[in-house]
Amino acid sequence: QVAAYSLLGFREIHREELGGRDQVREVLLQVGDSPNLVQLIEPLSAESPVQKAIDRNSGRGGLNHVGFRVKSAAQAFAHLRAHGFQITDPAPRPGSRGTTVFFIHPKSREEAPFQVLIEVVEDPADPR
C-alpha cells in the first residue's frame, strides 16, 4: 500500500511498531507540506484490535478510524466524557511518535452514531 500512495505523491515520514494493547505496525504518509497525514496500520498479532476489526469485516481491511488533532488530550477527554461520549480508553494514553491519544467508540452517540472509530490525538510536534 505504501507504494500505491507514493504514486499519488505521498511520502513516508514515520514507521513504528506499537505493542501494548494496539499491536500494530504503523506507517505515516504526508503529501506535500500539508499537516494532514494518512496512517496505514497492520496488525502484529491475532490480539490486535485492528486484526479483530478485519476479522469482523470478513477478512478485509479498510478504514479503521479517523483521527483529529487537539491541543490537549486531557481537556478533550474530560469534555467528551462529561457530554456522555463512550470512550474506549480509561484515560488518554501514549501513542506513536510521542503523541497522547484516546479513542471514541463508533456507536458512542446512540441518536447519531459515527459509524467509524475516532482517534483524538495530542501531538507535541504540532505547532498550533
Foldseek 3Di string as FASTA:
>chain_A
DQVVVVVVQWDWDDWDADDDQAQWIWTWIDHDPDPDIDIDIDHNDCNHPQVVVCVVVVNDHDAAEEEDEDQDQQVVVVVCVVVQFAWPDPGFDADPPRKTKTKTDQCRDVVDGNVHIYMYIYDPVDPD
